[in-house]
Amino acid sequence: MAGQSRPVASAIPVIALTGHLGAGKTTLLNHLLRSPGARIGVVVNDFGELNVDAALVAGQIDEPASISGGCICCLPDDGGLDEALAKLADPARRLDAIVVEASGLADPVAIARIIGFSKLSGARPGGLVDVVDAVHHFDTVDRTQLPPARYGAASLIVVNKLDQVPEDERSQVVKRVEQRVAQRNPRVHVVGTSGGRIDPSLLFDSLETTEEEAGQLSFRELLVDSDHVHDHVHADAVTVRSAGCVDLDALFDLLEDPPPGVFRMKGVVAAQYGSSVRTYVVNLVGSAIHIGKAPPRASANCLVAIGMDVAVAAVRARLELAVQPRTGPASAMGLRRLQRYRRLSV
């Protein structure tokens, strides 16, 4: 990896990984750690319960320990999340993402709030992934008339262990979770899988991510058992480019109401701000929008939509409309929306 740097732009996404005991959080985390080319920082509050594969972990020390695929921090009992994130967000580590692996007893709502209120420079909220046990979820977690509050905090729900459900019942299980989740938050994305096998591109970029004009992102899943490839959730990506300055109203209309199936968007856009042109890094995860100042020499405009089972032509049309050049200064409403999201992103 010598001589390479992280893809453009950006504050490192801090992803919360939650789930009830035994749902498969650690299995999903191990899958992410095996992603070719990815460097992931991991924060845990109980190293002894993490059970990350021994081959991936170099050791437990107070400073971040090197592991195959990134670094790991172990939180003391009295907290210290900001300190751990600050260590991992050091640009010298060149991480693609930081995953906060919460205890199975942790409250996802509280975890999301803690990360959301962190003002750490160089990091941004990357969404909350809640892992669901396809076999036991409705016996242990979602048992009351009202859906659990954790649905409202999540940006992505992974219905795991589908291989333990009869094949003809799997789609019904996922649909049941989708319907319950929608009662709390219709913007949450739900995917079904086994062994925690989701495409890492749903969560972060890595050095070996290749952006195609349309279709699947190519990840060399060398360590995925070939007998279970059909269980691996792959992502689709659509990329558009343009020149000039974008219409901020059209851009935020897209970000606030993304096309069906699109879970994440990223890109760099230029906007006319008064008499000057400024460039911004755009990130959308679930329903969370993050706008940051683009680094020098960042190339605008480029916008990528990532999701599952997307209608490529329809998504491309929406993206092209959002980056279509605008003549003259941005509208007053567009600038107000930009300033609002910039304040929320600081």
Protein backbone atom coordinates (compact mmCIF):
# COMPACT_ATOMS: atom_id res chain seq x y z
CA MET A 1 0.00 0.00 0.00
CA ALA A 2 3.06 2.25 -0.06
CA GLY A 3 2.52 5.44 -1.99
CA GLN A 4 -1.27 5.14 -1.93
CA SER A 5 -3.58 7.48 -0.11
CA ARG A 6 -7.22 7.34 0.92
CA PRO A 7 -9.79 8.33 -1.67
CA VAL A 8 -10.67 12.01 -1.82
CA ALA A 9 -11.67 14.06 0.67
CA SER A 10 -12.98 13.27 3.58
CA ALA A 11 -13.53 12.94 7.22
CA ILE A 12 -13.36 9.29 8.27
CA PRO A 13 -16.81 7.70 8.78
CA VAL A 14 -17.43 6.43 12.31
CA ILE A 15 -19.81 3.48 12.03
CA ALA A 16 -21.71 2.17 15.04
CA LEU A 17 -22.17 -1.60 15.01
CA THR A 18 -24.92 -2.80 17.32
CA GLY A 19 -27.07 -5.87 17.76
CA HIS A 20 -28.53 -8.13 20.42
CA LEU A 21 -26.32 -10.78 21.98
CA GLY A 22 -25.55 -13.52 19.46
CA ALA A 23 -26.96 -11.68 16.44
CA GLY A 24 -23.63 -11.77 14.60
CA LYS A 25 -21.98 -8.36 15.11
CA THR A 26 -18.51 -9.81 15.46
CA THR A 27 -19.01 -12.05 12.44
CA LEU A 28 -19.92 -9.01 10.35
CA LEU A 29 -16.95 -7.08 11.77
CA ASN A 30 -14.56 -9.89 10.88
CA HIS A 31 -15.99 -9.88 7.36
CA LEU A 32 -15.27 -6.14 7.06
CA LEU A 33 -11.74 -6.61 8.39
CA ARG A 34 -11.07 -9.10 5.61
CA SER A 35 -12.07 -6.63 2.90
CA PRO A 36 -9.20 -6.48 0.39
CA GLY A 37 -7.37 -3.17 0.57
CA ALA A 38 -9.45 -1.74 3.42
CA ARG A 39 -7.97 -0.26 6.59
CA ILE A 40 -10.47 -0.17 9.43
CA GLY A 41 -10.13 1.17 12.95
CA VAL A 42 -12.09 -0.73 15.60
CA VAL A 43 -13.22 0.60 18.97
CA VAL A 44 -14.56 -1.84 21.57
CA ASN A 45 -15.48 -1.45 25.21
CA ASP A 46 -14.80 -5.05 26.18
CA PHE A 47 -11.96 -6.66 24.27
CA GLY A 48 -12.58 -9.97 25.99
CA GLU A 49 -16.08 -10.17 24.52
CA LEU A 50 -15.09 -9.06 21.03
CA ASN A 51 -13.72 -12.41 19.85
CA VAL A 52 -12.24 -10.93 16.71
CA ASP A 53 -10.44 -13.75 14.90
CA ALA A 54 -7.03 -14.36 16.46
CA ALA A 55 -5.40 -14.12 13.04
CA LEU A 56 -6.61 -10.52 12.74
CA VAL A 57 -5.58 -9.20 16.14
CA ALA A 58 -1.99 -8.39 17.05
CA GLY A 59 -2.64 -7.71 20.75
CA GLN A 60 -4.37 -5.63 23.39
CA ILE A 61 -2.56 -2.49 24.47
CA ASP A 62 -3.54 0.99 25.66
CA GLU A 63 -2.53 2.61 22.37
CA PRO A 64 -4.20 1.45 19.15
CA ALA A 65 -2.88 -2.00 18.26
CA SER A 66 -2.11 -2.91 14.68
CA ILE A 67 -4.31 -5.60 13.19
CA SER A 68 -4.51 -7.06 9.74
CA GLY A 69 -6.67 -4.50 8.01
CA GLY A 70 -6.37 -1.62 10.49
CA CYS A 71 -6.07 -0.77 14.15
CA ILE A 72 -7.98 -1.52 17.33
CA CYS A 73 -8.62 0.50 20.50
CA CYS A 74 -10.01 -0.93 23.73
CA LEU A 75 -12.09 1.48 25.81
CA PRO A 76 -11.68 1.55 29.59
CA ASP A 77 -14.78 1.07 31.70
CA ASP A 78 -15.13 4.82 32.25
CA GLY A 79 -15.60 5.56 28.58
CA GLY A 80 -13.13 7.60 26.56
CA LEU A 81 -14.71 7.25 23.12
CA ASP A 82 -13.54 10.67 21.92
CA GLU A 83 -9.96 9.86 22.94
CA ALA A 84 -10.06 6.52 21.12
CA LEU A 85 -11.55 8.13 18.00
CA ALA A 86 -8.93 10.88 18.08
CA LYS A 87 -6.15 8.26 18.10
CA LEU A 88 -7.67 6.34 15.22
CA ALA A 89 -8.59 9.41 13.16
CA ASP A 90 -4.94 10.46 12.98
CA PRO A 91 -4.35 10.92 9.21
CA ALA A 92 -1.07 9.03 9.54
CA ARG A 93 -3.06 5.82 10.08
CA ARG A 94 -4.78 6.25 6.67
CA LEU A 95 -7.93 4.51 7.82
CA ASP A 96 -10.96 4.13 5.56
CA ALA A 97 -13.44 3.82 8.43
CA ILE A 98 -13.74 3.42 12.19
CA VAL A 99 -16.18 0.85 13.58
CA VAL A 100 -17.46 1.21 17.15
CA GLU A 101 -18.48 -2.31 18.15
CA ALA A 102 -20.98 -1.97 21.00
CA SER A 103 -21.81 -4.55 23.62
CA GLY A 104 -24.87 -6.65 22.90
CA LEU A 105 -26.48 -4.99 25.92
CA ALA A 106 -25.79 -1.46 24.71
CA ASP A 107 -28.63 0.88 23.74
CA PRO A 108 -28.31 1.73 20.02
CA VAL A 109 -30.11 5.04 20.55
CA ALA A 110 -27.50 6.09 23.13
CA ILE A 111 -24.62 4.89 20.95
CA ALA A 112 -25.92 6.88 17.97
CA ARG A 113 -26.31 9.98 20.15
CA ILE A 114 -22.77 9.72 21.55
CA ILE A 115 -21.22 9.43 18.10
CA GLY A 116 -23.48 12.10 16.66
CA PHE A 117 -22.49 14.62 19.34
CA SER A 118 -18.79 13.91 19.01
CA LYS A 119 -17.11 16.99 17.52
CA LEU A 120 -13.89 15.25 16.60
CA SER A 121 -12.08 16.89 13.71
CA GLY A 122 -11.40 14.52 10.86
CA ALA A 123 -14.30 12.14 11.61
CA ARG A 124 -18.01 12.11 10.83
CA PRO A 125 -20.97 9.88 11.70
CA GLY A 126 -21.05 6.95 9.28
CA GLY A 127 -24.39 5.48 10.27
CA LEU A 128 -25.56 2.82 12.70
CA VAL A 129 -25.65 -0.80 11.55
CA ASP A 130 -27.93 -2.97 13.67
CA VAL A 131 -27.53 -6.72 13.25
CA VAL A 132 -30.68 -8.82 13.62
CA ASP A 133 -30.86 -12.57 14.29
CA ALA A 134 -33.25 -13.93 11.64
CA VAL A 135 -34.10 -16.93 13.83
CA HIS A 136 -34.63 -15.45 17.29
CA HIS A 137 -35.18 -11.70 16.76
CA PHE A 138 -38.94 -11.79 17.20
CA ASP A 139 -38.61 -13.97 20.30
CA THR A 140 -35.96 -11.89 22.06
CA VAL A 141 -35.90 -8.29 20.78
CA ASP A 142 -39.10 -7.35 18.94
CA ARG A 143 -41.81 -8.89 21.12
CA THR A 144 -44.14 -6.00 21.97
CA GLN A 145 -46.93 -4.27 20.09
CA LEU A 146 -44.72 -1.25 19.32
CA PRO A 147 -41.50 -1.77 17.35
CA PRO A 148 -38.35 -1.31 19.47
CA ALA A 149 -36.77 2.15 19.57
CA ARG A 150 -33.51 0.74 18.17
CA TYR A 151 -35.13 0.67 14.71
CA GLY A 152 -35.36 4.44 14.78
CA ALA A 153 -31.64 4.86 15.51
CA ALA A 154 -30.42 2.55 12.74
CA SER A 155 -29.49 3.54 9.22
CA LEU A 156 -28.93 -0.05 8.04
CA ILE A 157 -30.42 -3.23 9.51
CA VAL A 158 -28.76 -6.50 8.60
CA VAL A 159 -31.00 -9.54 8.99
CA ASN A 160 -28.29 -12.12 9.63
CA LYS A 161 -28.29 -15.94 9.88
CA LEU A 162 -30.76 -16.43 7.05
CA ASP A 163 -29.03 -19.73 6.31
CA GLN A 164 -30.62 -21.02 9.52
CA VAL A 165 -34.11 -20.26 8.19
CA PRO A 166 -35.85 -22.61 5.71
CA GLU A 167 -35.15 -21.31 2.23
CA ASP A 168 -38.80 -20.77 1.35
CA GLU A 169 -39.29 -18.60 4.47
CA ARG A 170 -36.28 -16.27 4.14
CA SER A 171 -37.88 -13.53 2.07
CA GLN A 172 -40.85 -13.53 4.43
CA VAL A 173 -38.57 -13.03 7.45
CA VAL A 174 -36.82 -10.08 5.81
CA LYS A 175 -40.16 -8.60 4.76
CA ARG A 176 -41.49 -8.89 8.30
CA VAL A 177 -38.48 -6.99 9.64
CA GLU A 178 -38.88 -4.33 6.92
CA GLN A 179 -42.52 -3.80 7.84
CA ARG A 180 -41.75 -3.43 11.54
CA VAL A 181 -38.82 -1.11 10.88
CA ALA A 182 -40.95 1.10 8.64
CA GLN A 183 -43.30 1.76 11.54
CA ARG A 184 -40.42 3.51 13.31
CA ASN A 185 -38.46 4.89 10.39
CA PRO A 186 -39.31 4.28 6.72
CA ARG A 187 -35.86 5.55 5.67
CA VAL A 188 -34.00 2.63 7.26
CA HIS A 189 -32.54 0.15 4.77
CA VAL A 190 -32.92 -3.58 5.48
CA VAL A 191 -30.79 -6.32 3.92
CA GLY A 192 -30.76 -10.06 4.54
CA THR A 193 -27.64 -12.20 4.58
CA SER A 194 -25.75 -15.01 6.28
CA GLY A 195 -22.40 -14.87 8.05
CA GLY A 196 -22.51 -11.06 8.12
CA ARG A 197 -21.61 -10.95 4.42
CA ILE A 198 -22.50 -7.48 3.24
CA ASP A 199 -20.63 -5.44 0.66
CA PRO A 200 -18.26 -3.08 2.54
CA SER A 201 -18.98 -0.39 -0.04
CA LEU A 202 -22.33 0.12 1.66
CA LEU A 203 -20.39 1.52 4.62
CA PHE A 204 -17.10 2.99 3.42
CA ASP A 205 -14.64 3.44 0.54
CA SER A 206 -11.40 1.53 0.34
CA LEU A 207 -8.29 1.75 -1.79
CA GLU A 208 -9.40 -1.20 -3.88
CA THR A 209 -12.93 0.08 -4.47
CA THR A 210 -13.47 0.50 -8.19
CA GLU A 211 -16.23 2.85 -9.26
CA GLU A 212 -17.94 1.58 -12.36
CA GLU A 213 -20.39 3.62 -14.37
CA ALA A 214 -23.11 1.23 -13.30
CA GLY A 215 -23.54 -2.18 -11.79
CA GLN A 216 -21.77 -3.96 -8.99
CA LEU A 217 -18.73 -2.64 -7.25
CA SER A 218 -15.95 -5.18 -7.69
CA PHE A 219 -14.53 -6.55 -4.45
CA ARG A 220 -12.20 -9.53 -4.57
CA GLU A 221 -13.79 -11.60 -1.84
CA LEU A 222 -10.94 -14.05 -1.66
CA LEU A 223 -11.81 -15.26 1.82
CA VAL A 224 -15.53 -15.82 1.27
CA ASP A 225 -16.42 -19.50 1.25
CA SER A 226 -17.52 -20.29 -2.30
CA ASP A 227 -20.38 -22.38 -0.95
CA HIS A 228 -21.93 -19.23 0.50
CA VAL A 229 -21.31 -16.68 -2.23
CA HIS A 230 -25.02 -16.52 -2.96
CA ASP A 231 -25.54 -15.18 0.58
CA HIS A 232 -23.23 -12.21 0.04
CA VAL A 233 -25.04 -8.88 -0.28
CA HIS A 234 -23.48 -6.91 -3.15
CA ALA A 235 -23.91 -3.21 -3.75
CA ASP A 236 -24.70 -1.37 -6.96
CA ALA A 237 -23.04 1.93 -7.82
CA VAL A 238 -23.95 4.69 -10.27
CA THR A 239 -21.50 7.51 -11.04
CA VAL A 240 -22.12 10.80 -12.85
CA ARG A 241 -19.86 13.76 -13.62
CA SER A 242 -20.31 17.29 -14.86
CA ALA A 243 -18.50 20.62 -15.15
CA GLY A 244 -19.32 24.06 -13.78
CA CYS A 245 -21.33 24.83 -10.65
CA VAL A 246 -24.28 22.75 -9.52
CA ASP A 247 -27.77 23.90 -8.59
CA LEU A 248 -27.76 23.56 -4.81
CA ASP A 249 -31.54 23.24 -4.68
CA ALA A 250 -31.46 20.26 -7.05
CA LEU A 251 -28.56 18.71 -5.09
CA PHE A 252 -30.30 18.94 -1.74
CA ASP A 253 -33.59 17.76 -3.20
CA LEU A 254 -31.71 14.59 -4.19
CA LEU A 255 -29.92 14.17 -0.85
CA GLU A 256 -33.08 14.71 1.17
CA ASP A 257 -35.10 12.30 -0.98
CA PRO A 258 -32.71 9.74 -2.54
CA PRO A 259 -33.89 7.19 -5.10
CA PRO A 260 -35.27 3.86 -3.83
CA GLY A 261 -32.56 1.45 -2.78
CA VAL A 262 -29.84 4.10 -2.49
CA PHE A 263 -28.26 3.88 0.96
CA ARG A 264 -25.18 6.02 0.49
CA MET A 265 -24.07 8.91 -1.73
CA LYS A 266 -20.71 10.60 -1.95
CA GLY A 267 -19.02 13.13 -4.13
CA VAL A 268 -17.43 16.53 -4.65
CA VAL A 269 -19.43 19.44 -6.04
CA ALA A 270 -18.73 23.05 -6.94
CA ALA A 271 -21.15 25.86 -6.10
CA GLN A 272 -21.11 29.58 -6.81
CA TYR A 273 -21.09 31.35 -3.46
CA GLY A 274 -21.49 35.07 -4.15
CA SER A 275 -18.74 35.98 -6.57
CA SER A 276 -16.55 32.97 -5.71
CA VAL A 277 -16.68 29.27 -6.54
CA ARG A 278 -16.32 26.85 -3.63
CA THR A 279 -16.08 23.07 -3.62
CA TYR A 280 -17.61 20.76 -1.06
CA VAL A 281 -17.44 17.10 -0.13
CA VAL A 282 -20.90 15.54 0.04
CA ASN A 283 -21.75 12.39 2.02
CA LEU A 284 -25.13 10.80 2.61
CA VAL A 285 -25.58 7.72 4.82
CA GLY A 286 -29.17 6.61 5.35
CA SER A 287 -30.88 9.90 6.10
CA ALA A 288 -27.80 11.70 7.51
CA ILE A 289 -26.24 14.38 5.28
CA HIS A 290 -22.69 15.59 5.86
CA ILE A 291 -21.20 18.53 3.93
CA GLY A 292 -17.55 19.43 4.33
CA LYS A 293 -15.02 21.70 2.67
CA ALA A 294 -13.24 19.92 -0.16
CA PRO A 295 -9.46 19.58 0.03
CA PRO A 296 -7.29 21.51 -2.43
CA ARG A 297 -7.33 20.22 -5.99
CA ALA A 298 -10.41 18.07 -5.40
CA SER A 299 -12.09 17.44 -8.73
CA ALA A 300 -15.72 18.56 -9.06
CA ASN A 301 -18.35 17.58 -10.01
CA CYS A 302 -18.61 13.87 -9.30
CA LEU A 303 -21.46 12.13 -7.52
CA VAL A 304 -21.79 8.42 -6.74
CA ALA A 305 -24.90 6.63 -5.48
CA ILE A 306 -24.48 3.25 -3.76
CA GLY A 307 -27.26 0.89 -2.77
CA MET A 308 -28.97 -2.45 -3.28
CA ASP A 309 -31.10 -3.47 -6.25
CA VAL A 310 -31.27 0.06 -7.60
CA ALA A 311 -32.92 1.02 -10.89
CA VAL A 312 -29.74 2.18 -12.59
CA ALA A 313 -31.30 4.31 -15.33
CA ALA A 314 -33.64 6.10 -12.91
CA VAL A 315 -30.86 6.70 -10.39
CA ARG A 316 -28.56 8.03 -13.09
CA ALA A 317 -31.25 10.47 -14.25
CA ARG A 318 -31.70 11.79 -10.70
CA LEU A 319 -27.95 12.22 -10.22
CA GLU A 320 -27.49 13.96 -13.56
CA LEU A 321 -30.24 16.42 -12.67
CA ALA A 322 -28.52 17.15 -9.34
CA VAL A 323 -25.14 17.97 -10.93
CA GLN A 324 -26.49 19.77 -13.98
CA PRO A 325 -24.62 23.10 -14.32
CA ARG A 326 -26.39 26.21 -13.10
CA THR A 327 -25.86 29.60 -14.68
CA GLY A 328 -25.29 32.39 -12.18
CA PRO A 329 -25.07 32.44 -8.39
CA ALA A 330 -26.78 29.84 -6.22
CA SER A 331 -30.27 30.71 -5.01
CA ALA A 332 -30.76 32.20 -1.57
CA MET A 333 -32.69 29.07 -0.52
CA GLY A 334 -29.92 26.82 -1.82
CA LEU A 335 -27.30 28.75 0.15
CA ARG A 336 -29.40 28.57 3.32
CA ARG A 337 -29.71 24.81 2.94
CA LEU A 338 -25.96 24.56 2.36
CA GLN A 339 -25.19 26.65 5.44
CA ARG A 340 -27.59 24.61 7.56
CA TYR A 341 -25.94 21.30 6.65
CA ARG A 342 -22.47 22.80 7.04
CA ARG A 343 -23.37 23.85 10.61
CA LEU A 344 -24.74 20.38 11.38
CA SER A 345 -21.60 18.79 9.93
CA VAL A 346 -19.08 20.73 12.04
